[in-house]
């Protein structure tokens, strides 16, 4: 289980610590990456990227691993804090170099139109260059929404209860008179 490829030397300490702890937790489950993928709704290749520091895992993936490993709430919360620290320190992917325009075919470049940036409160949404938390949740982790009953079904249920109540009153009356 512990045959992990070495982590890149240039990883920030927060990322290295988080990935090492994530690897230990994965090893603690005793599951292969395929089995882990089946139990967490994140693919084997996704787990390979997360556990080899190729990409930060979504918060839900870490929570799913904690759940599969059977971590109590306070230990799972520690993993959430480690995740937060690691994601903020995670090396950003390099921006691709702009494509070179051939000299033989210069194209006119329109003047840029200034567009005001929308005002965002801290934590109000993704900031360019930051990792977004993946909102995907496995079906078993979704909160169940209360079933909305049509008004007709509710009315039928009330009528049935009223009928049963009247029947009970008639029966009690018949027994006491008889």
C-alpha atoms as a PDB file:
ATOM      1  CA  UNK A   1       0.000   0.000   0.000  1.00  0.00           C
ATOM      2  CA  UNK A   2       2.832   2.427   0.775  1.00  0.00           C
ATOM      3  CA  UNK A   3       4.464   2.322  -2.705  1.00  0.00           C
ATOM      4  CA  UNK A   4       3.828   5.957  -3.542  1.00  0.00           C
ATOM      5  CA  UNK A   5       5.798   7.880  -6.117  1.00  0.00           C
ATOM      6  CA  UNK A   6       7.936  10.641  -4.607  1.00  0.00           C
ATOM      7  CA  UNK A   7       6.313  14.040  -4.346  1.00  0.00           C
ATOM      8  CA  UNK A   8       7.862  16.945  -6.295  1.00  0.00           C
ATOM      9  CA  UNK A   9      10.643  18.687  -4.378  1.00  0.00           C
ATOM     10  CA  UNK A  10       9.229  22.165  -5.013  1.00  0.00           C
ATOM     11  CA  UNK A  11       5.898  21.551  -3.241  1.00  0.00           C
ATOM     12  CA  UNK A  12       5.018  24.023  -0.502  1.00  0.00           C
ATOM     13  CA  UNK A  13       5.181  22.437   2.985  1.00  0.00           C
ATOM     14  CA  UNK A  14       1.396  22.770   3.492  1.00  0.00           C
ATOM     15  CA  UNK A  15       0.698  20.856   0.284  1.00  0.00           C
ATOM     16  CA  UNK A  16       3.318  18.194   1.050  1.00  0.00           C
ATOM     17  CA  UNK A  17       1.928  17.644   4.562  1.00  0.00           C
ATOM     18  CA  UNK A  18      -1.657  17.472   3.297  1.00  0.00           C
ATOM     19  CA  UNK A  19      -0.861  14.978   0.512  1.00  0.00           C
ATOM     20  CA  UNK A  20       1.191  12.815   2.894  1.00  0.00           C
ATOM     21  CA  UNK A  21      -1.699  12.759   5.382  1.00  0.00           C
ATOM     22  CA  UNK A  22      -4.143  12.009   2.555  1.00  0.00           C
ATOM     23  CA  UNK A  23      -1.956   9.091   1.461  1.00  0.00           C
ATOM     24  CA  UNK A  24      -1.844   7.729   5.009  1.00  0.00           C
ATOM     25  CA  UNK A  25      -5.612   7.982   5.250  1.00  0.00           C
ATOM     26  CA  UNK A  26      -6.063   6.214   1.915  1.00  0.00           C
ATOM     27  CA  UNK A  27      -3.668   3.451   3.043  1.00  0.00           C
ATOM     28  CA  UNK A  28      -5.628   3.153   6.294  1.00  0.00           C
ATOM     29  CA  UNK A  29      -8.759   2.229   4.313  1.00  0.00           C
ATOM     30  CA  UNK A  30      -7.003  -0.754   2.743  1.00  0.00           C
ATOM     31  CA  UNK A  31      -8.791   0.007  -0.534  1.00  0.00           C
ATOM     32  CA  UNK A  32      -7.287   0.103  -4.005  1.00  0.00           C
ATOM     33  CA  UNK A  33      -7.732   3.291  -6.001  1.00  0.00           C
ATOM     34  CA  UNK A  34     -10.430   1.569  -8.074  1.00  0.00           C
ATOM     35  CA  UNK A  35     -12.344   0.534  -4.929  1.00  0.00           C
ATOM     36  CA  UNK A  36     -11.831   3.988  -3.415  1.00  0.00           C
ATOM     37  CA  UNK A  37     -13.219   5.526  -6.589  1.00  0.00           C
ATOM     38  CA  UNK A  38     -16.287   3.300  -6.404  1.00  0.00           C
ATOM     39  CA  UNK A  39     -16.904   4.185  -2.749  1.00  0.00           C
ATOM     40  CA  UNK A  40     -16.397   7.945  -3.148  1.00  0.00           C
ATOM     41  CA  UNK A  41     -17.754   8.776  -6.625  1.00  0.00           C
ATOM     42  CA  UNK A  42     -14.336  10.122  -7.686  1.00  0.00           C
ATOM     43  CA  UNK A  43     -12.483   8.137 -10.348  1.00  0.00           C
ATOM     44  CA  UNK A  44      -9.266   6.178  -9.929  1.00  0.00           C
ATOM     45  CA  UNK A  45      -7.436   8.686 -12.141  1.00  0.00           C
ATOM     46  CA  UNK A  46      -8.758  11.589 -10.045  1.00  0.00           C
ATOM     47  CA  UNK A  47      -7.465   9.936  -6.869  1.00  0.00           C
ATOM     48  CA  UNK A  48      -4.101   9.364  -8.577  1.00  0.00           C
ATOM     49  CA  UNK A  49      -3.855  13.096  -9.342  1.00  0.00           C
ATOM     50  CA  UNK A  50      -4.898  14.055  -5.803  1.00  0.00           C
ATOM     51  CA  UNK A  51      -2.556  11.572  -4.073  1.00  0.00           C
ATOM     52  CA  UNK A  52       0.425  12.467  -6.280  1.00  0.00           C
ATOM     53  CA  UNK A  53      -0.059  16.237  -5.806  1.00  0.00           C
ATOM     54  CA  UNK A  54      -0.937  16.737  -9.458  1.00  0.00           C
ATOM     55  CA  UNK A  55      -4.104  18.598  -8.590  1.00  0.00           C
ATOM     56  CA  UNK A  56      -5.838  19.620  -5.361  1.00  0.00           C
ATOM     57  CA  UNK A  57      -8.819  17.433  -4.490  1.00  0.00           C
ATOM     58  CA  UNK A  58     -12.251  18.984  -4.084  1.00  0.00           C
ATOM     59  CA  UNK A  59     -13.379  19.398  -0.479  1.00  0.00           C
ATOM     60  CA  UNK A  60     -16.109  16.787  -1.070  1.00  0.00           C
ATOM     61  CA  UNK A  61     -13.523  14.203  -2.166  1.00  0.00           C
ATOM     62  CA  UNK A  62     -11.602  14.701   1.077  1.00  0.00           C
ATOM     63  CA  UNK A  63     -14.837  14.455   3.079  1.00  0.00           C
ATOM     64  CA  UNK A  64     -15.751  11.261   1.213  1.00  0.00           C
ATOM     65  CA  UNK A  65     -12.331   9.733   1.974  1.00  0.00           C
ATOM     66  CA  UNK A  66     -12.710  10.682   5.650  1.00  0.00           C
ATOM     67  CA  UNK A  67     -16.147   9.030   5.685  1.00  0.00           C
ATOM     68  CA  UNK A  68     -14.855   5.834   4.010  1.00  0.00           C
ATOM     69  CA  UNK A  69     -11.924   5.723   6.452  1.00  0.00           C
ATOM     70  CA  UNK A  70     -14.352   6.064   9.378  1.00  0.00           C
ATOM     71  CA  UNK A  71     -12.796   9.206  10.828  1.00  0.00           C
ATOM     72  CA  UNK A  72     -14.680  10.778  13.730  1.00  0.00           C
ATOM     73  CA  UNK A  73     -15.952  14.333  13.262  1.00  0.00           C
ATOM     74  CA  UNK A  74     -13.038  16.163  14.913  1.00  0.00           C
ATOM     75  CA  UNK A  75     -10.406  14.299  12.861  1.00  0.00           C
ATOM     76  CA  UNK A  76     -12.405  14.912   9.682  1.00  0.00           C
ATOM     77  CA  UNK A  77     -12.530  18.593  10.625  1.00  0.00           C
ATOM     78  CA  UNK A  78      -8.723  18.602  10.942  1.00  0.00           C
ATOM     79  CA  UNK A  79      -8.535  17.239   7.403  1.00  0.00           C
ATOM     80  CA  UNK A  80     -10.816  20.043   6.231  1.00  0.00           C
ATOM     81  CA  UNK A  81      -8.422  22.584   7.806  1.00  0.00           C
ATOM     82  CA  UNK A  82      -5.404  20.872   6.203  1.00  0.00           C
ATOM     83  CA  UNK A  83      -7.258  20.958   2.870  1.00  0.00           C
ATOM     84  CA  UNK A  84      -7.929  24.688   3.237  1.00  0.00           C
ATOM     85  CA  UNK A  85      -4.262  25.441   3.988  1.00  0.00           C
ATOM     86  CA  UNK A  86      -3.034  23.234   1.137  1.00  0.00           C
ATOM     87  CA  UNK A  87      -5.403  24.654  -1.472  1.00  0.00           C
ATOM     88  CA  UNK A  88      -4.286  28.207  -0.705  1.00  0.00           C
ATOM     89  CA  UNK A  89      -0.632  27.193  -1.020  1.00  0.00           C
ATOM     90  CA  UNK A  90      -1.075  24.836  -4.007  1.00  0.00           C
ATOM     91  CA  UNK A  91       1.124  25.780  -6.974  1.00  0.00           C
ATOM     92  CA  UNK A  92      -0.968  27.366  -9.717  1.00  0.00           C
ATOM     93  CA  UNK A  93      -0.796  25.950 -13.227  1.00  0.00           C
ATOM     94  CA  UNK A  94       1.351  28.004 -15.568  1.00  0.00           C
ATOM     95  CA  UNK A  95      -0.549  30.272 -17.942  1.00  0.00           C
ATOM     96  CA  UNK A  96      -0.047  29.145 -21.552  1.00  0.00           C
ATOM     97  CA  UNK A  97       2.039  31.535 -23.651  1.00  0.00           C
ATOM     98  CA  UNK A  98      -0.040  33.610 -26.066  1.00  0.00           C
ATOM     99  CA  UNK A  99      -0.069  32.301 -29.618  1.00  0.00           C
ATOM    100  CA  UNK A 100       2.328  34.008 -31.993  1.00  0.00           C
ATOM    101  CA  UNK A 101       0.627  35.921 -34.809  1.00  0.00           C
ATOM    102  CA  UNK A 102       2.390  35.418 -38.166  1.00  0.00           C
ATOM    103  CA  UNK A 103       4.085  38.574 -39.429  1.00  0.00           C
ATOM    104  CA  UNK A 104       2.722  38.098 -42.949  1.00  0.00           C
ATOM    105  CA  UNK A 105      -0.895  38.464 -41.871  1.00  0.00           C
ATOM    106  CA  UNK A 106      -1.216  41.285 -39.346  1.00  0.00           C
ATOM    107  CA  UNK A 107      -4.732  41.681 -38.083  1.00  0.00           C
ATOM    108  CA  UNK A 108      -6.089  44.973 -36.781  1.00  0.00           C
ATOM    109  CA  UNK A 109      -6.501  44.870 -33.052  1.00  0.00           C
ATOM    110  CA  UNK A 110      -9.585  46.642 -31.754  1.00  0.00           C
ATOM    111  CA  UNK A 111      -9.119  48.885 -28.767  1.00  0.00           C
ATOM    112  CA  UNK A 112     -10.123  47.125 -25.564  1.00  0.00           C
ATOM    113  CA  UNK A 113     -13.413  48.224 -24.103  1.00  0.00           C
ATOM    114  CA  UNK A 114     -13.106  48.681 -20.353  1.00  0.00           C
ATOM    115  CA  UNK A 115     -15.577  46.499 -18.537  1.00  0.00           C
ATOM    116  CA  UNK A 116     -16.121  47.253 -14.864  1.00  0.00           C
ATOM    117  CA  UNK A 117     -15.394  44.267 -12.699  1.00  0.00           C
ATOM    118  CA  UNK A 118     -18.327  43.120 -10.616  1.00  0.00           C
ATOM    119  CA  UNK A 119     -17.945  43.935  -6.949  1.00  0.00           C
ATOM    120  CA  UNK A 120     -17.454  40.786  -4.943  1.00  0.00           C
ATOM    121  CA  UNK A 121     -17.540  40.355  -1.246  1.00  0.00           C
ATOM    122  CA  UNK A 122     -14.812  38.111   0.173  1.00  0.00           C
ATOM    123  CA  UNK A 123     -15.800  34.495  -0.365  1.00  0.00           C
ATOM    124  CA  UNK A 124     -18.660  35.489  -2.697  1.00  0.00           C
ATOM    125  CA  UNK A 125     -17.390  33.488  -5.627  1.00  0.00           C
ATOM    126  CA  UNK A 126     -14.385  32.205  -7.494  1.00  0.00           C
ATOM    127  CA  UNK A 127     -11.498  34.568  -8.060  1.00  0.00           C
ATOM    128  CA  UNK A 128      -9.579  34.075 -11.322  1.00  0.00           C
ATOM    129  CA  UNK A 129      -6.543  31.887 -10.701  1.00  0.00           C
ATOM    130  CA  UNK A 130      -7.998  30.241  -7.595  1.00  0.00           C
ATOM    131  CA  UNK A 131      -9.249  26.704  -7.401  1.00  0.00           C
ATOM    132  CA  UNK A 132     -12.979  26.234  -7.181  1.00  0.00           C
ATOM    133  CA  UNK A 133     -14.452  23.711  -4.842  1.00  0.00           C
ATOM    134  CA  UNK A 134     -16.178  20.991  -6.857  1.00  0.00           C
ATOM    135  CA  UNK A 135     -19.885  21.115  -5.970  1.00  0.00           C
ATOM    136  CA  UNK A 136     -20.425  17.518  -7.112  1.00  0.00           C
ATOM    137  CA  UNK A 137     -21.714  15.305  -4.333  1.00  0.00           C
ATOM    138  CA  UNK A 138     -22.342  11.581  -4.545  1.00  0.00           C
ATOM    139  CA  UNK A 139     -26.037  10.757  -4.470  1.00  0.00           C
ATOM    140  CA  UNK A 140     -25.760   9.213  -0.997  1.00  0.00           C
ATOM    141  CA  UNK A 141     -24.388  12.458   0.496  1.00  0.00           C
ATOM    142  CA  UNK A 142     -27.093  14.726  -0.861  1.00  0.00           C
ATOM    143  CA  UNK A 143     -29.587  16.028   1.637  1.00  0.00           C
ATOM    144  CA  UNK A 144     -32.994  14.637   0.985  1.00  0.00           C
ATOM    145  CA  UNK A 145     -35.464  17.298   0.073  1.00  0.00           C
ATOM    146  CA  UNK A 146     -38.930  16.928   1.530  1.00  0.00           C
ATOM    147  CA  UNK A 147     -41.345  15.481  -0.946  1.00  0.00           C
ATOM    148  CA  UNK A 148     -43.849  18.066  -2.051  1.00  0.00           C
ATOM    149  CA  UNK A 149     -47.298  16.538  -2.064  1.00  0.00           C
ATOM    150  CA  UNK A 150     -49.861  17.841  -4.483  1.00  0.00           C
ATOM    151  CA  UNK A 151     -52.796  19.646  -2.854  1.00  0.00           C
ATOM    152  CA  UNK A 152     -55.200  16.947  -4.104  1.00  0.00           C
ATOM    153  CA  UNK A 153     -53.405  14.204  -2.174  1.00  0.00           C
ATOM    154  CA  UNK A 154     -53.368  16.302   0.975  1.00  0.00           C
ATOM    155  CA  UNK A 155     -57.111  17.002   0.643  1.00  0.00           C
ATOM    156  CA  UNK A 156     -57.803  13.303   0.112  1.00  0.00           C
ATOM    157  CA  UNK A 157     -55.826  12.439   3.248  1.00  0.00           C
ATOM    158  CA  UNK A 158     -57.775  14.995   5.345  1.00  0.00           C
ATOM    159  CA  UNK A 159     -61.102  13.672   3.993  1.00  0.00           C
ATOM    160  CA  UNK A 160     -60.096  10.088   4.799  1.00  0.00           C
ATOM    161  CA  UNK A 161     -59.119  11.055   8.361  1.00  0.00           C
ATOM    162  CA  UNK A 162     -62.447  12.908   8.823  1.00  0.00           C
ATOM    163  CA  UNK A 163     -64.348   9.844   7.570  1.00  0.00           C
ATOM    164  CA  UNK A 164     -62.499   7.556   9.970  1.00  0.00           C
ATOM    165  CA  UNK A 165     -63.181   9.958  12.857  1.00  0.00           C
ATOM    166  CA  UNK A 166     -66.932  10.020  12.056  1.00  0.00           C
ATOM    167  CA  UNK A 167     -66.962   6.220  11.793  1.00  0.00           C
ATOM    168  CA  UNK A 168     -65.276   5.942  15.207  1.00  0.00           C
ATOM    169  CA  UNK A 169     -67.852   8.348  16.743  1.00  0.00           C
ATOM    170  CA  UNK A 170     -70.735   6.321  15.256  1.00  0.00           C
ATOM    171  CA  UNK A 171     -69.255   3.067  16.576  1.00  0.00           C
ATOM    172  CA  UNK A 172     -68.706   4.470  20.068  1.00  0.00           C
ATOM    173  CA  UNK A 173     -72.311   5.837  20.046  1.00  0.00           C
ATOM    174  CA  UNK A 174     -73.738   2.466  18.948  1.00  0.00           C
ATOM    175  CA  UNK A 175     -71.828   0.582  21.655  1.00  0.00           C
ATOM    176  CA  UNK A 176     -72.913   2.942  24.460  1.00  0.00           C
ATOM    177  CA  UNK A 177     -76.607   2.906  23.383  1.00  0.00           C
ATOM    178  CA  UNK A 178     -76.755  -0.799  22.723  1.00  0.00           C
END
